[in-house]
PDB file of N, CA and C in Angstrom:
ATOM      1  N   UNK A   1     -13.074   9.487   2.593  1.00  0.00           N
ATOM      2  CA  UNK A   1     -12.625   9.231   1.164  1.00  0.00           C
ATOM      3  C   UNK A   1     -12.538   7.547   0.433  1.00  0.00           C
ATOM      4  N   UNK A   2     -12.853   7.431  -0.605  1.00  0.00           N
ATOM      5  CA  UNK A   2     -12.718   6.055  -0.585  1.00  0.00           C
ATOM      6  C   UNK A   2     -11.921   5.564  -1.311  1.00  0.00           C
ATOM      7  N   UNK A   3     -11.003   4.579  -1.039  1.00  0.00           N
ATOM      8  CA  UNK A   3      -9.678   4.111  -1.395  1.00  0.00           C
ATOM      9  C   UNK A   3      -9.597   3.853  -3.032  1.00  0.00           C
ATOM     10  N   UNK A   4      -8.360   3.954  -3.584  1.00  0.00           N
ATOM     11  CA  UNK A   4      -8.503   3.662  -5.155  1.00  0.00           C
ATOM     12  C   UNK A   4      -8.467   2.230  -5.338  1.00  0.00           C
ATOM     13  N   UNK A   5      -8.979   1.759  -6.622  1.00  0.00           N
ATOM     14  CA  UNK A   5      -9.068   0.290  -6.695  1.00  0.00           C
ATOM     15  C   UNK A   5      -7.605   0.040  -7.266  1.00  0.00           C
ATOM     16  N   UNK A   6      -7.259  -0.787  -6.329  1.00  0.00           N
ATOM     17  CA  UNK A   6      -5.768  -1.155  -6.943  1.00  0.00           C
ATOM     18  C   UNK A   6      -5.424  -2.478  -8.237  1.00  0.00           C
ATOM     19  N   UNK A   7      -6.569  -3.170  -8.256  1.00  0.00           N
ATOM     20  CA  UNK A   7      -6.183  -3.603  -9.552  1.00  0.00           C
ATOM     21  C   UNK A   7      -6.703  -3.470 -10.883  1.00  0.00           C
ATOM     22  N   UNK A   8      -7.181  -1.680 -11.091  1.00  0.00           N
ATOM     23  CA  UNK A   8      -7.455  -1.021 -12.000  1.00  0.00           C
ATOM     24  C   UNK A   8      -6.538  -0.460 -12.371  1.00  0.00           C
ATOM     25  N   UNK A   9      -6.360   0.114 -13.785  1.00  0.00           N
ATOM     26  CA  UNK A   9      -5.173   0.901 -14.583  1.00  0.00           C
ATOM     27  C   UNK A   9      -5.625   2.295 -13.997  1.00  0.00           C
ATOM     28  N   UNK A  10      -4.606   3.623 -14.048  1.00  0.00           N
ATOM     29  CA  UNK A  10      -4.855   4.541 -13.645  1.00  0.00           C
ATOM     30  C   UNK A  10      -5.658   4.931 -14.986  1.00  0.00           C
ATOM     31  N   UNK A  11      -6.397   5.987 -14.710  1.00  0.00           N
ATOM     32  CA  UNK A  11      -6.949   6.732 -15.848  1.00  0.00           C
ATOM     33  C   UNK A  11      -6.315   7.522 -16.601  1.00  0.00           C
ATOM     34  N   UNK A  12      -6.954   7.992 -17.803  1.00  0.00           N
ATOM     35  CA  UNK A  12      -6.272   8.844 -18.693  1.00  0.00           C
ATOM     36  C   UNK A  12      -6.251  10.374 -18.214  1.00  0.00           C
ATOM     37  N   UNK A  13      -6.793  10.366 -17.337  1.00  0.00           N
ATOM     38  CA  UNK A  13      -7.007  11.818 -16.784  1.00  0.00           C
ATOM     39  C   UNK A  13      -6.441  11.833 -15.467  1.00  0.00           C
ATOM     40  N   UNK A  14      -6.531  13.045 -14.857  1.00  0.00           N
ATOM     41  CA  UNK A  14      -5.753  13.414 -13.793  1.00  0.00           C
ATOM     42  C   UNK A  14      -6.874  13.410 -12.695  1.00  0.00           C
ATOM     43  N   UNK A  15      -8.240  14.184 -12.694  1.00  0.00           N
ATOM     44  CA  UNK A  15      -9.166  14.690 -11.688  1.00  0.00           C
ATOM     45  C   UNK A  15     -10.574  14.513 -12.680  1.00  0.00           C
ATOM     46  N   UNK A  16     -11.762  14.235 -12.356  1.00  0.00           N
ATOM     47  CA  UNK A  16     -13.015  14.881 -12.944  1.00  0.00           C
ATOM     48  C   UNK A  16     -14.035  14.805 -11.957  1.00  0.00           C
ATOM     49  N   UNK A  17     -15.182  15.614 -11.766  1.00  0.00           N
ATOM     50  CA  UNK A  17     -15.839  15.928 -11.242  1.00  0.00           C
ATOM     51  C   UNK A  17     -17.341  16.311 -11.583  1.00  0.00           C
ATOM     52  N   UNK A  18     -18.455  15.866 -11.115  1.00  0.00           N
ATOM     53  CA  UNK A  18     -19.722  16.317 -11.258  1.00  0.00           C
ATOM     54  C   UNK A  18     -20.266  16.637 -10.036  1.00  0.00           C
ATOM     55  N   UNK A  19     -21.201  17.520 -10.567  1.00  0.00           N
ATOM     56  CA  UNK A  19     -22.575  17.982  -9.619  1.00  0.00           C
ATOM     57  C   UNK A  19     -23.617  17.571  -9.741  1.00  0.00           C
ATOM     58  N   UNK A  20     -24.299  16.565  -8.660  1.00  0.00           N
ATOM     59  CA  UNK A  20     -25.651  16.240  -8.773  1.00  0.00           C
ATOM     60  C   UNK A  20     -26.381  16.278  -7.705  1.00  0.00           C
ATOM     61  N   UNK A  21     -27.781  16.423  -7.680  1.00  0.00           N
ATOM     62  CA  UNK A  21     -28.595  16.732  -6.638  1.00  0.00           C
ATOM     63  C   UNK A  21     -28.464  15.258  -5.787  1.00  0.00           C
ATOM     64  N   UNK A  22     -28.167  15.316  -4.723  1.00  0.00           N
ATOM     65  CA  UNK A  22     -28.246  14.240  -3.717  1.00  0.00           C
ATOM     66  C   UNK A  22     -29.400  14.428  -2.922  1.00  0.00           C
ATOM     67  N   UNK A  23     -29.967  13.010  -3.017  1.00  0.00           N
ATOM     68  CA  UNK A  23     -31.314  12.953  -2.347  1.00  0.00           C
ATOM     69  C   UNK A  23     -31.651  12.647  -1.010  1.00  0.00           C
ATOM     70  N   UNK A  24     -30.022  12.425  -0.148  1.00  0.00           N
ATOM     71  CA  UNK A  24     -29.928  11.945   1.049  1.00  0.00           C
ATOM     72  C   UNK A  24     -29.895  13.315   1.436  1.00  0.00           C
ATOM     73  N   UNK A  25     -29.465  14.318   1.401  1.00  0.00           N
ATOM     74  CA  UNK A  25     -28.938  15.657   1.921  1.00  0.00           C
ATOM     75  C   UNK A  25     -29.885  16.528   1.698  1.00  0.00           C
ATOM     76  N   UNK A  26     -30.580  16.218   0.271  1.00  0.00           N
ATOM     77  CA  UNK A  26     -31.257  17.145  -0.198  1.00  0.00           C
ATOM     78  C   UNK A  26     -30.646  18.389  -0.731  1.00  0.00           C
ATOM     79  N   UNK A  27     -29.622  18.308  -1.323  1.00  0.00           N
ATOM     80  CA  UNK A  27     -28.718  19.160  -1.666  1.00  0.00           C
ATOM     81  C   UNK A  27     -28.241  18.812  -3.019  1.00  0.00           C
ATOM     82  N   UNK A  28     -27.158  20.137  -3.698  1.00  0.00           N
ATOM     83  CA  UNK A  28     -26.315  19.686  -4.952  1.00  0.00           C
ATOM     84  C   UNK A  28     -24.909  19.368  -3.997  1.00  0.00           C
ATOM     85  N   UNK A  29     -24.271  18.200  -4.522  1.00  0.00           N
ATOM     86  CA  UNK A  29     -23.111  17.932  -3.992  1.00  0.00           C
ATOM     87  C   UNK A  29     -22.135  17.990  -5.310  1.00  0.00           C
ATOM     88  N   UNK A  30     -21.066  18.048  -4.783  1.00  0.00           N
ATOM     89  CA  UNK A  30     -19.865  17.325  -6.176  1.00  0.00           C
ATOM     90  C   UNK A  30     -18.988  16.352  -5.983  1.00  0.00           C
ATOM     91  N   UNK A  31     -18.886  15.565  -6.856  1.00  0.00           N
ATOM     92  CA  UNK A  31     -18.008  14.217  -6.485  1.00  0.00           C
ATOM     93  C   UNK A  31     -16.859  14.279  -7.270  1.00  0.00           C
ATOM     94  N   UNK A  32     -15.694  14.252  -6.725  1.00  0.00           N
ATOM     95  CA  UNK A  32     -14.467  14.378  -7.587  1.00  0.00           C
ATOM     96  C   UNK A  32     -13.845  12.222  -7.637  1.00  0.00           C
ATOM     97  N   UNK A  33     -13.290  12.230  -8.607  1.00  0.00           N
ATOM     98  CA  UNK A  33     -12.932  11.191  -8.716  1.00  0.00           C
ATOM     99  C   UNK A  33     -11.421  11.329  -9.445  1.00  0.00           C
ATOM    100  N   UNK A  34     -10.545  10.775  -8.643  1.00  0.00           N
ATOM    101  CA  UNK A  34      -9.243  11.081  -9.356  1.00  0.00           C
ATOM    102  C   UNK A  34      -8.640  10.130 -10.432  1.00  0.00           C
ATOM    103  N   UNK A  35      -7.454  10.057 -10.750  1.00  0.00           N
ATOM    104  CA  UNK A  35      -7.277   8.970 -11.837  1.00  0.00           C
ATOM    105  C   UNK A  35      -7.007   7.493 -11.346  1.00  0.00           C
ATOM    106  N   UNK A  36      -6.549   7.391  -9.924  1.00  0.00           N
ATOM    107  CA  UNK A  36      -6.155   6.400  -9.211  1.00  0.00           C
ATOM    108  C   UNK A  36      -7.750   5.761  -8.478  1.00  0.00           C
ATOM    109  N   UNK A  37      -9.005   6.027  -9.080  1.00  0.00           N
ATOM    110  CA  UNK A  37      -9.982   5.633  -8.558  1.00  0.00           C
ATOM    111  C   UNK A  37     -10.554   6.138  -7.324  1.00  0.00           C
ATOM    112  N   UNK A  38      -9.538   6.957  -6.629  1.00  0.00           N
ATOM    113  CA  UNK A  38      -9.731   7.339  -5.518  1.00  0.00           C
ATOM    114  C   UNK A  38     -11.031   8.463  -5.161  1.00  0.00           C
ATOM    115  N   UNK A  39     -11.975   8.450  -4.245  1.00  0.00           N
ATOM    116  CA  UNK A  39     -13.078   9.527  -4.543  1.00  0.00           C
ATOM    117  C   UNK A  39     -13.241  10.143  -3.490  1.00  0.00           C
ATOM    118  N   UNK A  40     -13.917  11.363  -3.583  1.00  0.00           N
ATOM    119  CA  UNK A  40     -14.295  12.371  -2.674  1.00  0.00           C
ATOM    120  C   UNK A  40     -15.811  13.351  -2.735  1.00  0.00           C
ATOM    121  N   UNK A  41     -16.369  13.149  -1.569  1.00  0.00           N
ATOM    122  CA  UNK A  41     -17.478  14.092  -2.003  1.00  0.00           C
ATOM    123  C   UNK A  41     -17.307  15.733  -1.515  1.00  0.00           C
ATOM    124  N   UNK A  42     -17.839  16.709  -2.075  1.00  0.00           N
ATOM    125  CA  UNK A  42     -17.229  17.884  -1.169  1.00  0.00           C
ATOM    126  C   UNK A  42     -18.426  18.017  -0.311  1.00  0.00           C
ATOM    127  N   UNK A  43     -19.277  17.876  -0.540  1.00  0.00           N
ATOM    128  CA  UNK A  43     -20.608  18.092   0.649  1.00  0.00           C
ATOM    129  C   UNK A  43     -20.012  17.392   1.953  1.00  0.00           C
ATOM    130  N   UNK A  44     -19.744  15.882   1.827  1.00  0.00           N
ATOM    131  CA  UNK A  44     -19.491  15.182   2.979  1.00  0.00           C
ATOM    132  C   UNK A  44     -17.764  15.838   3.390  1.00  0.00           C
ATOM    133  N   UNK A  45     -16.980  16.040   2.902  1.00  0.00           N
ATOM    134  CA  UNK A  45     -15.890  17.261   3.345  1.00  0.00           C
ATOM    135  C   UNK A  45     -16.332  18.016   4.038  1.00  0.00           C
ATOM    136  N   UNK A  46     -17.158  18.833   3.687  1.00  0.00           N
ATOM    137  CA  UNK A  46     -17.303  20.481   4.233  1.00  0.00           C
ATOM    138  C   UNK A  46     -18.202  20.291   5.384  1.00  0.00           C
ATOM    139  N   UNK A  47     -19.212  19.392   5.623  1.00  0.00           N
ATOM    140  CA  UNK A  47     -20.141  18.903   6.495  1.00  0.00           C
ATOM    141  C   UNK A  47     -19.552  17.912   7.520  1.00  0.00           C
ATOM    142  N   UNK A  48     -19.841  16.714   7.078  1.00  0.00           N
ATOM    143  CA  UNK A  48     -20.121  15.694   7.722  1.00  0.00           C
ATOM    144  C   UNK A  48     -18.482  15.537   8.620  1.00  0.00           C
ATOM    145  N   UNK A  49     -17.617  15.367   7.410  1.00  0.00           N
ATOM    146  CA  UNK A  49     -16.227  14.831   7.905  1.00  0.00           C
ATOM    147  C   UNK A  49     -15.801  16.134   9.174  1.00  0.00           C
ATOM    148  N   UNK A  50     -16.273  17.394   8.919  1.00  0.00           N
ATOM    149  CA  UNK A  50     -15.494  18.412   9.675  1.00  0.00           C
ATOM    150  C   UNK A  50     -16.604  18.178  11.072  1.00  0.00           C
ATOM    151  N   UNK A  51     -17.815  17.705  11.265  1.00  0.00           N
ATOM    152  CA  UNK A  51     -18.768  17.522  12.443  1.00  0.00           C
ATOM    153  C   UNK A  51     -18.092  16.156  12.863  1.00  0.00           C
ATOM    154  N   UNK A  52     -17.669  15.365  12.422  1.00  0.00           N
ATOM    155  CA  UNK A  52     -17.309  14.285  12.928  1.00  0.00           C
ATOM    156  C   UNK A  52     -15.607  14.215  13.952  1.00  0.00           C
ATOM    157  N   UNK A  53     -14.896  15.202  13.076  1.00  0.00           N
ATOM    158  CA  UNK A  53     -13.931  15.388  13.742  1.00  0.00           C
ATOM    159  C   UNK A  53     -13.601  16.311  14.776  1.00  0.00           C
ATOM    160  N   UNK A  54     -14.595  17.409  14.771  1.00  0.00           N
ATOM    161  CA  UNK A  54     -14.857  18.155  16.019  1.00  0.00           C
ATOM    162  C   UNK A  54     -16.071  18.415  16.072  1.00  0.00           C
ATOM    163  N   UNK A  55     -16.309  17.939  17.320  1.00  0.00           N
ATOM    164  CA  UNK A  55     -18.076  17.505  18.175  1.00  0.00           C
ATOM    165  C   UNK A  55     -18.170  18.968  18.706  1.00  0.00           C
ATOM    166  N   UNK A  56     -17.539  19.785  18.688  1.00  0.00           N
ATOM    167  CA  UNK A  56     -17.662  21.257  19.214  1.00  0.00           C
ATOM    168  C   UNK A  56     -18.109  22.103  17.947  1.00  0.00           C
ATOM    169  N   UNK A  57     -17.942  21.659  16.476  1.00  0.00           N
ATOM    170  CA  UNK A  57     -18.319  22.430  15.588  1.00  0.00           C
ATOM    171  C   UNK A  57     -19.647  22.659  15.575  1.00  0.00           C
ATOM    172  N   UNK A  58     -20.293  23.788  15.109  1.00  0.00           N
ATOM    173  CA  UNK A  58     -21.555  24.364  15.010  1.00  0.00           C
ATOM    174  C   UNK A  58     -22.094  24.393  13.481  1.00  0.00           C
ATOM    175  N   UNK A  59     -23.156  24.061  13.478  1.00  0.00           N
ATOM    176  CA  UNK A  59     -23.922  23.926  12.153  1.00  0.00           C
ATOM    177  C   UNK A  59     -25.710  24.074  12.522  1.00  0.00           C
ATOM    178  N   UNK A  60     -26.556  25.284  11.633  1.00  0.00           N
ATOM    179  CA  UNK A  60     -27.376  25.207  11.795  1.00  0.00           C
ATOM    180  C   UNK A  60     -28.300  24.107  11.830  1.00  0.00           C
ATOM    181  N   UNK A  61     -29.716  24.366  12.155  1.00  0.00           N
ATOM    182  CA  UNK A  61     -30.489  22.712  12.512  1.00  0.00           C
ATOM    183  C   UNK A  61     -30.741  22.029  11.068  1.00  0.00           C
ATOM    184  N   UNK A  62     -30.904  22.962   9.826  1.00  0.00           N
ATOM    185  CA  UNK A  62     -31.124  22.209   8.536  1.00  0.00           C
ATOM    186  C   UNK A  62     -30.251  21.538   8.063  1.00  0.00           C
ATOM    187  N   UNK A  63     -28.753  21.732   8.740  1.00  0.00           N
ATOM    188  CA  UNK A  63     -27.542  21.211   8.129  1.00  0.00           C
ATOM    189  C   UNK A  63     -27.141  19.937   8.956  1.00  0.00           C
ATOM    190  N   UNK A  64     -27.402  20.019  10.296  1.00  0.00           N
ATOM    191  CA  UNK A  64     -26.974  18.764  11.008  1.00  0.00           C
ATOM    192  C   UNK A  64     -27.996  18.116  10.781  1.00  0.00           C
ATOM    193  N   UNK A  65     -29.010  17.908  10.215  1.00  0.00           N
ATOM    194  CA  UNK A  65     -30.488  17.012  10.214  1.00  0.00           C
ATOM    195  C   UNK A  65     -30.173  16.190   9.068  1.00  0.00           C
ATOM    196  N   UNK A  66     -28.968  17.484   7.755  1.00  0.00           N
ATOM    197  CA  UNK A  66     -28.601  16.758   6.753  1.00  0.00           C
ATOM    198  C   UNK A  66     -27.239  16.190   6.857  1.00  0.00           C
ATOM    199  N   UNK A  67     -26.838  16.061   7.859  1.00  0.00           N
ATOM    200  CA  UNK A  67     -25.117  15.238   8.377  1.00  0.00           C
ATOM    201  C   UNK A  67     -25.908  14.134   8.536  1.00  0.00           C
ATOM    202  N   UNK A  68     -26.646  13.946   9.469  1.00  0.00           N
ATOM    203  CA  UNK A  68     -27.375  12.879   9.898  1.00  0.00           C
ATOM    204  C   UNK A  68     -27.699  11.780   8.643  1.00  0.00           C
ATOM    205  N   UNK A  69     -28.286  12.142   7.783  1.00  0.00           N
ATOM    206  CA  UNK A  69     -28.791  11.349   6.499  1.00  0.00           C
ATOM    207  C   UNK A  69     -27.849  11.053   5.855  1.00  0.00           C
ATOM    208  N   UNK A  70     -26.532  11.889   5.446  1.00  0.00           N
ATOM    209  CA  UNK A  70     -25.148  11.634   4.796  1.00  0.00           C
ATOM    210  C   UNK A  70     -24.672  10.085   5.070  1.00  0.00           C
ATOM    211  N   UNK A  71     -24.393   9.662   4.062  1.00  0.00           N
ATOM    212  CA  UNK A  71     -23.805   8.347   3.877  1.00  0.00           C
ATOM    213  C   UNK A  71     -22.662   8.180   3.892  1.00  0.00           C
ATOM    214  N   UNK A  72     -21.720   9.157   3.658  1.00  0.00           N
ATOM    215  CA  UNK A  72     -20.349   9.368   4.250  1.00  0.00           C
ATOM    216  C   UNK A  72     -19.739   8.724   2.655  1.00  0.00           C
ATOM    217  N   UNK A  73     -18.623   7.972   2.929  1.00  0.00           N
ATOM    218  CA  UNK A  73     -17.517   7.845   2.048  1.00  0.00           C
ATOM    219  C   UNK A  73     -17.961   6.367   1.334  1.00  0.00           C
ATOM    220  N   UNK A  74     -19.057   5.885   1.760  1.00  0.00           N
ATOM    221  CA  UNK A  74     -19.660   4.833   1.170  1.00  0.00           C
ATOM    222  C   UNK A  74     -21.524   4.922   0.442  1.00  0.00           C
ATOM    223  N   UNK A  75     -21.158   6.292   0.167  1.00  0.00           N
ATOM    224  CA  UNK A  75     -22.575   7.007  -0.592  1.00  0.00           C
ATOM    225  C   UNK A  75     -22.577   5.909  -2.299  1.00  0.00           C
ATOM    226  N   UNK A  76     -23.786   5.579  -2.225  1.00  0.00           N
ATOM    227  CA  UNK A  76     -24.173   5.371  -3.718  1.00  0.00           C
ATOM    228  C   UNK A  76     -23.671   5.697  -4.495  1.00  0.00           C
ATOM    229  N   UNK A  77     -24.298   7.338  -4.430  1.00  0.00           N
ATOM    230  CA  UNK A  77     -23.984   8.254  -5.820  1.00  0.00           C
ATOM    231  C   UNK A  77     -22.569   8.675  -6.090  1.00  0.00           C
ATOM    232  N   UNK A  78     -21.663   8.210  -5.047  1.00  0.00           N
ATOM    233  CA  UNK A  78     -20.093   8.305  -5.041  1.00  0.00           C
ATOM    234  C   UNK A  78     -19.798   7.106  -5.859  1.00  0.00           C
ATOM    235  N   UNK A  79     -20.321   6.055  -5.487  1.00  0.00           N
ATOM    236  CA  UNK A  79     -19.550   4.469  -5.969  1.00  0.00           C
ATOM    237  C   UNK A  79     -20.495   4.617  -7.483  1.00  0.00           C
ATOM    238  N   UNK A  80     -21.716   4.895  -7.347  1.00  0.00           N
ATOM    239  CA  UNK A  80     -22.181   5.008  -9.092  1.00  0.00           C
ATOM    240  C   UNK A  80     -21.334   5.377 -10.142  1.00  0.00           C
ATOM    241  N   UNK A  81     -21.328   7.071  -9.624  1.00  0.00           N
ATOM    242  CA  UNK A  81     -20.359   8.108 -10.313  1.00  0.00           C
ATOM    243  C   UNK A  81     -18.812   7.366 -10.710  1.00  0.00           C
ATOM    244  N   UNK A  82     -18.472   6.855  -9.674  1.00  0.00           N
ATOM    245  CA  UNK A  82     -16.885   5.843 -10.160  1.00  0.00           C
ATOM    246  C   UNK A  82     -17.173   4.937 -10.765  1.00  0.00           C
ATOM    247  N   UNK A  83     -17.760   4.408 -10.544  1.00  0.00           N
ATOM    248  CA  UNK A  83     -18.325   3.025 -11.141  1.00  0.00           C
ATOM    249  C   UNK A  83     -18.527   3.126 -12.981  1.00  0.00           C
ATOM    250  N   UNK A  84     -19.102   3.916 -13.079  1.00  0.00           N
ATOM    251  CA  UNK A  84     -19.498   4.575 -14.306  1.00  0.00           C
ATOM    252  C   UNK A  84     -18.563   4.849 -15.183  1.00  0.00           C
ATOM    253  N   UNK A  85     -17.651   5.845 -14.511  1.00  0.00           N
ATOM    254  CA  UNK A  85     -15.967   6.460 -14.990  1.00  0.00           C
ATOM    255  C   UNK A  85     -15.299   5.026 -15.391  1.00  0.00           C
ATOM    256  N   UNK A  86     -15.017   4.268 -14.188  1.00  0.00           N
ATOM    257  CA  UNK A  86     -14.679   2.779 -14.601  1.00  0.00           C
ATOM    258  C   UNK A  86     -15.182   2.487 -15.972  1.00  0.00           C
ATOM    259  N   UNK A  87     -16.599   1.919 -16.407  1.00  0.00           N
ATOM    260  CA  UNK A  87     -16.904   1.421 -17.277  1.00  0.00           C
ATOM    261  C   UNK A  87     -16.335   2.454 -18.588  1.00  0.00           C
ATOM    262  N   UNK A  88     -16.882   3.768 -18.438  1.00  0.00           N
ATOM    263  CA  UNK A  88     -16.420   4.442 -19.736  1.00  0.00           C
ATOM    264  C   UNK A  88     -14.975   4.411 -19.764  1.00  0.00           C
ATOM    265  N   UNK A  89     -13.923   4.080 -19.189  1.00  0.00           N
ATOM    266  CA  UNK A  89     -12.092   4.040 -19.362  1.00  0.00           C
ATOM    267  C   UNK A  89     -11.936   2.672 -19.706  1.00  0.00           C
ATOM    268  N   UNK A  90     -13.014   1.756 -19.132  1.00  0.00           N
ATOM    269  CA  UNK A  90     -12.290   0.479 -19.716  1.00  0.00           C
ATOM    270  C   UNK A  90     -12.934   0.527 -21.427  1.00  0.00           C
ATOM    271  N   UNK A  91     -13.893   1.178 -21.791  1.00  0.00           N
ATOM    272  CA  UNK A  91     -14.597   0.511 -23.139  1.00  0.00           C
ATOM    273  C   UNK A  91     -15.703  -0.195 -23.019  1.00  0.00           C
ATOM    274  N   UNK A  92     -16.365  -0.586 -21.727  1.00  0.00           N
ATOM    275  CA  UNK A  92     -17.347  -1.237 -21.513  1.00  0.00           C
ATOM    276  C   UNK A  92     -18.766  -0.499 -21.125  1.00  0.00           C
ATOM    277  N   UNK A  93     -19.790  -0.794 -21.788  1.00  0.00           N
ATOM    278  CA  UNK A  93     -21.131   0.207 -21.085  1.00  0.00           C
ATOM    279  C   UNK A  93     -22.056  -1.000 -20.563  1.00  0.00           C
TER     280      UNK A  93
END
């Protein structure tokens, strides 16, 4: 999870999410942004984070290949979506 940006004011909403096509893992992923600007990627949480935490976790070959390509918490898709929301919230485009 990407940490909250401390210098920003809280958003006027609690949480927002979007589903996009991630070219890195060649799958649809859900990106969530909390009102403190912290972020989560559901695909990362479901697959890569579990694989990192438990080396004995079993995934089929296709998922294992996607896990290797996943950028994790610093993913450009996650950061771009969060930054887009920050711009919208601050009123600048």
